[in-house]
C-alpha atoms as a PDB file:
ATOM      1  CA  UNK A   1     166.900 147.285  70.215  1.00  0.00           C
ATOM      2  CA  UNK A   2     167.609 147.133  74.054  1.00  0.00           C
ATOM      3  CA  UNK A   3     169.611 149.595  76.255  1.00  0.00           C
ATOM      4  CA  UNK A   4     170.326 149.058  80.080  1.00  0.00           C
ATOM      5  CA  UNK A   5     171.820 150.806  82.715  1.00  0.00           C
ATOM      6  CA  UNK A   6     171.366 150.923  86.318  1.00  0.00           C
ATOM      7  CA  UNK A   7     169.437 154.344  86.989  1.00  0.00           C
ATOM      8  CA  UNK A   8     168.465 155.066  83.339  1.00  0.00           C
ATOM      9  CA  UNK A   9     168.903 158.257  84.004  1.00  0.00           C
ATOM     10  CA  UNK A  10     171.919 159.802  81.505  1.00  0.00           C
ATOM     11  CA  UNK A  11     173.187 157.571  79.111  1.00  0.00           C
ATOM     12  CA  UNK A  12     170.326 154.840  78.082  1.00  0.00           C
ATOM     13  CA  UNK A  13     167.679 157.687  77.707  1.00  0.00           C
ATOM     14  CA  UNK A  14     170.181 159.718  75.473  1.00  0.00           C
ATOM     15  CA  UNK A  15     170.664 156.808  73.341  1.00  0.00           C
ATOM     16  CA  UNK A  16     167.552 156.316  72.522  1.00  0.00           C
ATOM     17  CA  UNK A  17     166.529 159.628  72.320  1.00  0.00           C
ATOM     18  CA  UNK A  18     169.254 160.010  69.534  1.00  0.00           C
ATOM     19  CA  UNK A  19     167.840 156.713  67.786  1.00  0.00           C
ATOM     20  CA  UNK A  20     164.479 157.921  68.032  1.00  0.00           C
ATOM     21  CA  UNK A  21     165.552 161.395  66.588  1.00  0.00           C
ATOM     22  CA  UNK A  22     166.834 159.535  63.569  1.00  0.00           C
ATOM     23  CA  UNK A  23     164.065 157.052  63.016  1.00  0.00           C
ATOM     24  CA  UNK A  24     161.348 159.381  63.126  1.00  0.00           C
ATOM     25  CA  UNK A  25     162.885 162.429  61.602  1.00  0.00           C
ATOM     26  CA  UNK A  26     162.604 164.699  64.917  1.00  0.00           C
ATOM     27  CA  UNK A  27     164.537 166.942  66.716  1.00  0.00           C
ATOM     28  CA  UNK A  28     166.863 165.260  69.469  1.00  0.00           C
ATOM     29  CA  UNK A  29     164.767 167.119  72.463  1.00  0.00           C
ATOM     30  CA  UNK A  30     161.309 166.395  70.783  1.00  0.00           C
ATOM     31  CA  UNK A  31     162.799 162.318  71.073  1.00  0.00           C
ATOM     32  CA  UNK A  32     163.641 162.772  74.470  1.00  0.00           C
ATOM     33  CA  UNK A  33     160.315 164.169  75.438  1.00  0.00           C
ATOM     34  CA  UNK A  34     158.859 160.918  74.188  1.00  0.00           C
ATOM     35  CA  UNK A  35     161.537 158.824  75.905  1.00  0.00           C
ATOM     36  CA  UNK A  36     160.952 160.894  78.951  1.00  0.00           C
ATOM     37  CA  UNK A  37     157.170 159.256  79.008  1.00  0.00           C
ATOM     38  CA  UNK A  38     158.988 155.686  80.258  1.00  0.00           C
ATOM     39  CA  UNK A  39     161.626 156.686  82.503  1.00  0.00           C
ATOM     40  CA  UNK A  40     160.416 159.918  83.879  1.00  0.00           C
ATOM     41  CA  UNK A  41     163.599 160.134  86.067  1.00  0.00           C
ATOM     42  CA  UNK A  42     165.148 160.453  82.862  1.00  0.00           C
ATOM     43  CA  UNK A  43     167.654 163.747  82.835  1.00  0.00           C
ATOM     44  CA  UNK A  44     170.856 163.244  80.543  1.00  0.00           C
ATOM     45  CA  UNK A  45     173.937 164.973  81.619  1.00  0.00           C
ATOM     46  CA  UNK A  46     174.530 168.878  80.011  1.00  0.00           C
ATOM     47  CA  UNK A  47     177.059 167.141  77.534  1.00  0.00           C
ATOM     48  CA  UNK A  48     174.266 164.892  76.425  1.00  0.00           C
ATOM     49  CA  UNK A  49     171.696 167.727  75.947  1.00  0.00           C
ATOM     50  CA  UNK A  50     174.278 169.740  74.132  1.00  0.00           C
ATOM     51  CA  UNK A  51     174.486 166.821  71.477  1.00  0.00           C
ATOM     52  CA  UNK A  52     170.536 166.368  71.593  1.00  0.00           C
ATOM     53  CA  UNK A  53     169.721 170.065  71.120  1.00  0.00           C
ATOM     54  CA  UNK A  54     172.314 169.734  68.137  1.00  0.00           C
ATOM     55  CA  UNK A  55     170.109 166.813  66.203  1.00  0.00           C
ATOM     56  CA  UNK A  56     167.367 168.381  63.903  1.00  0.00           C
ATOM     57  CA  UNK A  57     164.928 166.735  62.164  1.00  0.00           C
END
């Protein structure tokens, strides 16, 4: 899977975390922690974080 946006701060890490949560059966926040290992500047906006918090394993 390939994702791209200019700054890799909000949309791309959110989509990657949602995909990772689904594939690895982990919470959205746990998946985001893993995604942040690659682009440490990742900081999804408030609405995206609400979605990630709602994703459970």
